[in-house]
């Protein structure tokens, strides 16, 4: 599913249910040892996806440890992103020589819980949502796009980006979106990201592949 909205430079693997046969590296098992069983199998399944995607780039299996703010620790020379929600897990990677950063997110195609939209959306985004045609749950798609924005932003800046510091313009025709970045970035300025989205099988997925 996620492969439909990724560029050719990216490699991915996905799963629609959890695997119970995944062997974690000791470092990974230590990270998740105190979590409930559901969280452990989710953690293991998405790392299985990550190892499959890395293998497509020629990388041997290696531990993928959450780092600062939970960002995955990829092998040197690799950029990537993981996502998981009910009924879906995926990991996407690429060579850093091909892409500067990747952000992906998956969500159930359902309305956001009460109060969430008002907490994450800017006034212009709320106005946009009022005029979009029938289709997926646009509020959930907006949330997913913002998640992909943050996952793309953080590896480039190592700084926090609030939901309201990105203004999303969803394009219902063509499955694309544009994110205008409103926070100051250290180093070269980051003004906007361009992404793609897809709604299918009861899910919405978003992806940004930033070339720098």
C-alpha atoms as a PDB file:
ATOM      1  CA  UNK A   1       0.000   0.000   0.000  1.00  0.00           C
ATOM      2  CA  UNK A   2       2.640   2.535   1.037  1.00  0.00           C
ATOM      3  CA  UNK A   3       4.671   1.700  -2.072  1.00  0.00           C
ATOM      4  CA  UNK A   4       2.072   3.404  -4.263  1.00  0.00           C
ATOM      5  CA  UNK A   5       3.050   6.832  -2.928  1.00  0.00           C
ATOM      6  CA  UNK A   6       6.833   6.426  -2.649  1.00  0.00           C
ATOM      7  CA  UNK A   7       9.557   7.435  -5.135  1.00  0.00           C
ATOM      8  CA  UNK A   8      11.676   4.836  -6.860  1.00  0.00           C
ATOM      9  CA  UNK A   9      14.656   5.514  -4.586  1.00  0.00           C
ATOM     10  CA  UNK A  10      12.766   4.245  -1.530  1.00  0.00           C
ATOM     11  CA  UNK A  11      12.463   0.647  -0.355  1.00  0.00           C
ATOM     12  CA  UNK A  12       9.677  -0.511   1.922  1.00  0.00           C
ATOM     13  CA  UNK A  13       8.037  -3.448   3.646  1.00  0.00           C
ATOM     14  CA  UNK A  14       4.592  -3.598   5.215  1.00  0.00           C
ATOM     15  CA  UNK A  15       2.406  -5.950   7.244  1.00  0.00           C
ATOM     16  CA  UNK A  16      -1.328  -6.008   7.865  1.00  0.00           C
ATOM     17  CA  UNK A  17      -1.131  -8.070  11.044  1.00  0.00           C
ATOM     18  CA  UNK A  18       1.459  -8.723  13.719  1.00  0.00           C
ATOM     19  CA  UNK A  19       4.071 -11.465  13.568  1.00  0.00           C
ATOM     20  CA  UNK A  20       4.851 -13.497  16.656  1.00  0.00           C
ATOM     21  CA  UNK A  21       7.988 -15.174  15.258  1.00  0.00           C
ATOM     22  CA  UNK A  22      10.250 -12.107  15.036  1.00  0.00           C
ATOM     23  CA  UNK A  23      13.549 -12.383  16.912  1.00  0.00           C
ATOM     24  CA  UNK A  24      14.695  -9.083  18.340  1.00  0.00           C
ATOM     25  CA  UNK A  25      18.292  -8.121  18.952  1.00  0.00           C
ATOM     26  CA  UNK A  26      19.109  -7.983  22.687  1.00  0.00           C
ATOM     27  CA  UNK A  27      19.341  -4.184  22.540  1.00  0.00           C
ATOM     28  CA  UNK A  28      15.852  -4.003  21.031  1.00  0.00           C
ATOM     29  CA  UNK A  29      14.388  -6.494  23.502  1.00  0.00           C
ATOM     30  CA  UNK A  30      15.759  -4.420  26.384  1.00  0.00           C
ATOM     31  CA  UNK A  31      13.984  -1.310  25.083  1.00  0.00           C
ATOM     32  CA  UNK A  32      10.593  -3.007  24.990  1.00  0.00           C
ATOM     33  CA  UNK A  33      10.940  -5.454  27.895  1.00  0.00           C
ATOM     34  CA  UNK A  34       8.494  -3.676  30.216  1.00  0.00           C
ATOM     35  CA  UNK A  35       5.808  -3.024  27.599  1.00  0.00           C
ATOM     36  CA  UNK A  36       2.548  -4.932  27.335  1.00  0.00           C
ATOM     37  CA  UNK A  37       2.410  -7.882  24.930  1.00  0.00           C
ATOM     38  CA  UNK A  38       0.514  -5.956  22.247  1.00  0.00           C
ATOM     39  CA  UNK A  39       3.154  -3.219  22.178  1.00  0.00           C
ATOM     40  CA  UNK A  40       5.989  -5.781  22.051  1.00  0.00           C
ATOM     41  CA  UNK A  41       4.550  -7.584  19.017  1.00  0.00           C
ATOM     42  CA  UNK A  42       3.850  -4.271  17.277  1.00  0.00           C
ATOM     43  CA  UNK A  43       7.442  -3.150  17.978  1.00  0.00           C
ATOM     44  CA  UNK A  44       8.840  -6.461  16.674  1.00  0.00           C
ATOM     45  CA  UNK A  45       6.675  -6.517  13.540  1.00  0.00           C
ATOM     46  CA  UNK A  46       7.637  -3.019  12.412  1.00  0.00           C
ATOM     47  CA  UNK A  47      11.316  -3.883  12.954  1.00  0.00           C
ATOM     48  CA  UNK A  48      10.871  -6.984  10.852  1.00  0.00           C
ATOM     49  CA  UNK A  49       9.511  -4.681   8.138  1.00  0.00           C
ATOM     50  CA  UNK A  50      12.494  -2.374   8.600  1.00  0.00           C
ATOM     51  CA  UNK A  51      14.978  -5.238   8.210  1.00  0.00           C
ATOM     52  CA  UNK A  52      13.241  -6.391   5.033  1.00  0.00           C
ATOM     53  CA  UNK A  53      13.401  -2.859   3.622  1.00  0.00           C
ATOM     54  CA  UNK A  54      17.064  -2.475   4.615  1.00  0.00           C
ATOM     55  CA  UNK A  55      17.870  -5.832   2.993  1.00  0.00           C
ATOM     56  CA  UNK A  56      16.555  -4.418  -0.281  1.00  0.00           C
ATOM     57  CA  UNK A  57      19.273  -1.747   0.050  1.00  0.00           C
ATOM     58  CA  UNK A  58      21.895  -4.416   0.733  1.00  0.00           C
ATOM     59  CA  UNK A  59      22.134  -3.928   4.511  1.00  0.00           C
ATOM     60  CA  UNK A  60      22.445  -6.948   6.831  1.00  0.00           C
ATOM     61  CA  UNK A  61      20.110  -7.230   9.835  1.00  0.00           C
ATOM     62  CA  UNK A  62      21.026  -4.873  12.658  1.00  0.00           C
ATOM     63  CA  UNK A  63      19.311  -3.483  15.767  1.00  0.00           C
ATOM     64  CA  UNK A  64      17.087  -0.455  15.247  1.00  0.00           C
ATOM     65  CA  UNK A  65      16.938   1.361  18.549  1.00  0.00           C
ATOM     66  CA  UNK A  66      14.658   4.330  19.257  1.00  0.00           C
ATOM     67  CA  UNK A  67      16.761   7.420  19.795  1.00  0.00           C
ATOM     68  CA  UNK A  68      15.942  11.017  20.633  1.00  0.00           C
ATOM     69  CA  UNK A  69      12.158  11.561  20.689  1.00  0.00           C
ATOM     70  CA  UNK A  70      11.720   7.946  19.563  1.00  0.00           C
ATOM     71  CA  UNK A  71      13.261   8.430  16.116  1.00  0.00           C
ATOM     72  CA  UNK A  72      14.585   5.102  14.748  1.00  0.00           C
ATOM     73  CA  UNK A  73      18.364   4.689  14.695  1.00  0.00           C
ATOM     74  CA  UNK A  74      19.126   3.724  11.099  1.00  0.00           C
ATOM     75  CA  UNK A  75      22.466   2.401   9.833  1.00  0.00           C
ATOM     76  CA  UNK A  76      24.936   4.986   8.552  1.00  0.00           C
ATOM     77  CA  UNK A  77      24.097   6.316   5.125  1.00  0.00           C
ATOM     78  CA  UNK A  78      20.393   5.439   5.460  1.00  0.00           C
ATOM     79  CA  UNK A  79      17.309   7.585   6.024  1.00  0.00           C
ATOM     80  CA  UNK A  80      13.957   6.112   6.884  1.00  0.00           C
ATOM     81  CA  UNK A  81      10.663   6.153   8.719  1.00  0.00           C
ATOM     82  CA  UNK A  82       8.325   3.707  10.447  1.00  0.00           C
ATOM     83  CA  UNK A  83       4.604   3.752  11.101  1.00  0.00           C
ATOM     84  CA  UNK A  84       2.036   1.558  12.790  1.00  0.00           C
ATOM     85  CA  UNK A  85      -1.673   1.707  13.478  1.00  0.00           C
ATOM     86  CA  UNK A  86      -4.449  -0.812  13.959  1.00  0.00           C
ATOM     87  CA  UNK A  87      -4.126  -3.325  11.136  1.00  0.00           C
ATOM     88  CA  UNK A  88      -1.002  -1.882   9.511  1.00  0.00           C
ATOM     89  CA  UNK A  89       2.782  -1.683  10.040  1.00  0.00           C
ATOM     90  CA  UNK A  90       5.337  -0.318   7.576  1.00  0.00           C
ATOM     91  CA  UNK A  91       8.947   0.807   7.300  1.00  0.00           C
ATOM     92  CA  UNK A  92      10.486   2.852   4.478  1.00  0.00           C
ATOM     93  CA  UNK A  93      14.198   3.462   3.857  1.00  0.00           C
ATOM     94  CA  UNK A  94      16.458   5.004   1.223  1.00  0.00           C
ATOM     95  CA  UNK A  95      20.119   5.810   0.765  1.00  0.00           C
ATOM     96  CA  UNK A  96      21.014   9.208   2.181  1.00  0.00           C
ATOM     97  CA  UNK A  97      22.716   9.904  -1.134  1.00  0.00           C
ATOM     98  CA  UNK A  98      19.292   9.659  -2.814  1.00  0.00           C
ATOM     99  CA  UNK A  99      16.966  11.324  -0.287  1.00  0.00           C
ATOM    100  CA  UNK A 100      17.637  13.758   2.542  1.00  0.00           C
ATOM    101  CA  UNK A 101      14.781  12.554   4.756  1.00  0.00           C
ATOM    102  CA  UNK A 102      11.612  10.440   4.685  1.00  0.00           C
ATOM    103  CA  UNK A 103       8.446  10.644   6.753  1.00  0.00           C
ATOM    104  CA  UNK A 104       5.526   8.205   6.533  1.00  0.00           C
ATOM    105  CA  UNK A 105       2.384   7.733   8.581  1.00  0.00           C
ATOM    106  CA  UNK A 106      -0.664   5.453   8.530  1.00  0.00           C
ATOM    107  CA  UNK A 107      -3.974   5.986  10.291  1.00  0.00           C
ATOM    108  CA  UNK A 108      -7.408   4.330  10.328  1.00  0.00           C
ATOM    109  CA  UNK A 109      -9.760   6.091   7.911  1.00  0.00           C
ATOM    110  CA  UNK A 110     -11.999   7.240  10.748  1.00  0.00           C
ATOM    111  CA  UNK A 111     -12.893  10.617  12.272  1.00  0.00           C
ATOM    112  CA  UNK A 112     -10.419  12.002  14.777  1.00  0.00           C
ATOM    113  CA  UNK A 113     -11.469  11.738  18.430  1.00  0.00           C
ATOM    114  CA  UNK A 114     -13.358  14.716  19.805  1.00  0.00           C
ATOM    115  CA  UNK A 115     -11.130  17.703  20.456  1.00  0.00           C
ATOM    116  CA  UNK A 116      -8.096  16.512  18.498  1.00  0.00           C
ATOM    117  CA  UNK A 117      -8.764  18.455  15.299  1.00  0.00           C
ATOM    118  CA  UNK A 118      -9.131  21.722  17.199  1.00  0.00           C
ATOM    119  CA  UNK A 119      -5.809  21.015  18.949  1.00  0.00           C
ATOM    120  CA  UNK A 120      -3.761  20.284  15.806  1.00  0.00           C
ATOM    121  CA  UNK A 121      -5.315  22.391  13.045  1.00  0.00           C
ATOM    122  CA  UNK A 122      -4.629  25.984  12.076  1.00  0.00           C
ATOM    123  CA  UNK A 123      -7.518  28.303  11.090  1.00  0.00           C
ATOM    124  CA  UNK A 124      -6.734  28.049   7.368  1.00  0.00           C
ATOM    125  CA  UNK A 125      -6.715  24.251   7.613  1.00  0.00           C
ATOM    126  CA  UNK A 126     -10.111  24.195   9.304  1.00  0.00           C
ATOM    127  CA  UNK A 127     -11.427  26.404   6.529  1.00  0.00           C
ATOM    128  CA  UNK A 128      -9.952  24.064   3.901  1.00  0.00           C
ATOM    129  CA  UNK A 129     -11.594  21.027   5.481  1.00  0.00           C
ATOM    130  CA  UNK A 130     -15.005  22.694   5.284  1.00  0.00           C
ATOM    131  CA  UNK A 131     -14.775  22.887   1.492  1.00  0.00           C
ATOM    132  CA  UNK A 132     -13.242  19.525   0.562  1.00  0.00           C
ATOM    133  CA  UNK A 133     -15.466  17.101  -1.378  1.00  0.00           C
ATOM    134  CA  UNK A 134     -16.627  13.764  -0.035  1.00  0.00           C
ATOM    135  CA  UNK A 135     -13.822  11.248   0.245  1.00  0.00           C
ATOM    136  CA  UNK A 136     -11.681   9.934   3.080  1.00  0.00           C
ATOM    137  CA  UNK A 137     -11.953  11.384   6.563  1.00  0.00           C
ATOM    138  CA  UNK A 138     -10.066  14.564   5.775  1.00  0.00           C
ATOM    139  CA  UNK A 139      -9.481  15.441   9.418  1.00  0.00           C
ATOM    140  CA  UNK A 140      -7.632  12.147   9.914  1.00  0.00           C
ATOM    141  CA  UNK A 141      -5.702  12.667   6.683  1.00  0.00           C
ATOM    142  CA  UNK A 142      -4.653  16.117   7.891  1.00  0.00           C
ATOM    143  CA  UNK A 143      -3.407  14.571  11.134  1.00  0.00           C
ATOM    144  CA  UNK A 144      -1.469  11.910   9.199  1.00  0.00           C
ATOM    145  CA  UNK A 145       0.129  14.500   6.931  1.00  0.00           C
ATOM    146  CA  UNK A 146       1.289  16.454   9.990  1.00  0.00           C
ATOM    147  CA  UNK A 147       2.796  13.296  11.460  1.00  0.00           C
ATOM    148  CA  UNK A 148       4.717  12.696   8.216  1.00  0.00           C
ATOM    149  CA  UNK A 149       5.887  16.305   8.271  1.00  0.00           C
ATOM    150  CA  UNK A 150       7.329  15.918  11.764  1.00  0.00           C
ATOM    151  CA  UNK A 151       9.018  12.606  10.900  1.00  0.00           C
ATOM    152  CA  UNK A 152      10.668  14.319   7.923  1.00  0.00           C
ATOM    153  CA  UNK A 153      11.581  17.484   9.836  1.00  0.00           C
ATOM    154  CA  UNK A 154      13.151  15.990  12.951  1.00  0.00           C
ATOM    155  CA  UNK A 155      16.063  14.056  11.370  1.00  0.00           C
ATOM    156  CA  UNK A 156      17.018  17.190   9.435  1.00  0.00           C
ATOM    157  CA  UNK A 157      16.861  19.624  12.363  1.00  0.00           C
ATOM    158  CA  UNK A 158      16.894  17.595  15.605  1.00  0.00           C
ATOM    159  CA  UNK A 159      14.316  20.082  16.886  1.00  0.00           C
ATOM    160  CA  UNK A 160      10.649  19.838  17.852  1.00  0.00           C
ATOM    161  CA  UNK A 161       7.942  20.944  15.426  1.00  0.00           C
ATOM    162  CA  UNK A 162       4.502  21.618  16.834  1.00  0.00           C
ATOM    163  CA  UNK A 163       1.367  20.591  14.919  1.00  0.00           C
ATOM    164  CA  UNK A 164       0.521  24.253  14.411  1.00  0.00           C
ATOM    165  CA  UNK A 165       3.979  25.055  13.002  1.00  0.00           C
ATOM    166  CA  UNK A 166       3.126  23.393   9.689  1.00  0.00           C
ATOM    167  CA  UNK A 167       0.252  24.518   7.483  1.00  0.00           C
ATOM    168  CA  UNK A 168      -1.078  21.672   5.310  1.00  0.00           C
ATOM    169  CA  UNK A 169      -2.795  22.131   1.974  1.00  0.00           C
ATOM    170  CA  UNK A 170      -4.506  18.883   0.978  1.00  0.00           C
ATOM    171  CA  UNK A 171      -5.144  18.326  -2.719  1.00  0.00           C
ATOM    172  CA  UNK A 172      -8.089  15.963  -3.207  1.00  0.00           C
ATOM    173  CA  UNK A 173      -7.352  15.463  -6.907  1.00  0.00           C
ATOM    174  CA  UNK A 174      -4.109  13.579  -7.461  1.00  0.00           C
ATOM    175  CA  UNK A 175      -3.470  12.524  -3.865  1.00  0.00           C
ATOM    176  CA  UNK A 176      -0.860  15.138  -2.985  1.00  0.00           C
ATOM    177  CA  UNK A 177      -0.326  17.721  -0.265  1.00  0.00           C
ATOM    178  CA  UNK A 178       1.939  20.649   0.488  1.00  0.00           C
ATOM    179  CA  UNK A 179       3.243  21.544   3.938  1.00  0.00           C
ATOM    180  CA  UNK A 180       4.300  25.127   4.581  1.00  0.00           C
ATOM    181  CA  UNK A 181       6.822  25.125   7.443  1.00  0.00           C
ATOM    182  CA  UNK A 182       6.398  28.009   9.877  1.00  0.00           C
ATOM    183  CA  UNK A 183       9.203  27.274  12.366  1.00  0.00           C
ATOM    184  CA  UNK A 184      12.784  28.452  12.018  1.00  0.00           C
ATOM    185  CA  UNK A 185      15.121  25.578  11.230  1.00  0.00           C
ATOM    186  CA  UNK A 186      18.780  25.454  12.247  1.00  0.00           C
ATOM    187  CA  UNK A 187      21.078  25.357   9.261  1.00  0.00           C
ATOM    188  CA  UNK A 188      19.665  25.761   5.754  1.00  0.00           C
ATOM    189  CA  UNK A 189      16.091  27.079   5.930  1.00  0.00           C
ATOM    190  CA  UNK A 190      13.273  24.611   5.376  1.00  0.00           C
ATOM    191  CA  UNK A 191      10.262  26.330   3.812  1.00  0.00           C
ATOM    192  CA  UNK A 192       8.015  23.497   2.626  1.00  0.00           C
ATOM    193  CA  UNK A 193       7.635  19.775   2.065  1.00  0.00           C
ATOM    194  CA  UNK A 194       5.650  18.071  -0.672  1.00  0.00           C
ATOM    195  CA  UNK A 195       3.945  14.757  -0.008  1.00  0.00           C
ATOM    196  CA  UNK A 196       1.500  12.193  -1.306  1.00  0.00           C
ATOM    197  CA  UNK A 197      -1.451  10.440   0.266  1.00  0.00           C
ATOM    198  CA  UNK A 198      -3.595   7.392  -0.362  1.00  0.00           C
ATOM    199  CA  UNK A 199      -6.861   6.142   1.137  1.00  0.00           C
ATOM    200  CA  UNK A 200      -7.675   2.442   0.691  1.00  0.00           C
ATOM    201  CA  UNK A 201      -8.685  -0.599   2.694  1.00  0.00           C
ATOM    202  CA  UNK A 202      -9.949   1.414   5.629  1.00  0.00           C
ATOM    203  CA  UNK A 203      -6.633   3.255   6.030  1.00  0.00           C
ATOM    204  CA  UNK A 204      -5.108   6.583   5.080  1.00  0.00           C
ATOM    205  CA  UNK A 205      -1.352   6.749   4.469  1.00  0.00           C
ATOM    206  CA  UNK A 206       0.874   9.751   3.826  1.00  0.00           C
ATOM    207  CA  UNK A 207       4.489  10.017   2.731  1.00  0.00           C
ATOM    208  CA  UNK A 208       7.082  12.746   2.234  1.00  0.00           C
ATOM    209  CA  UNK A 209      10.355  12.051   0.430  1.00  0.00           C
ATOM    210  CA  UNK A 210      12.476  15.157   0.820  1.00  0.00           C
ATOM    211  CA  UNK A 211      15.360  15.530  -1.593  1.00  0.00           C
ATOM    212  CA  UNK A 212      16.991  18.479   0.164  1.00  0.00           C
END
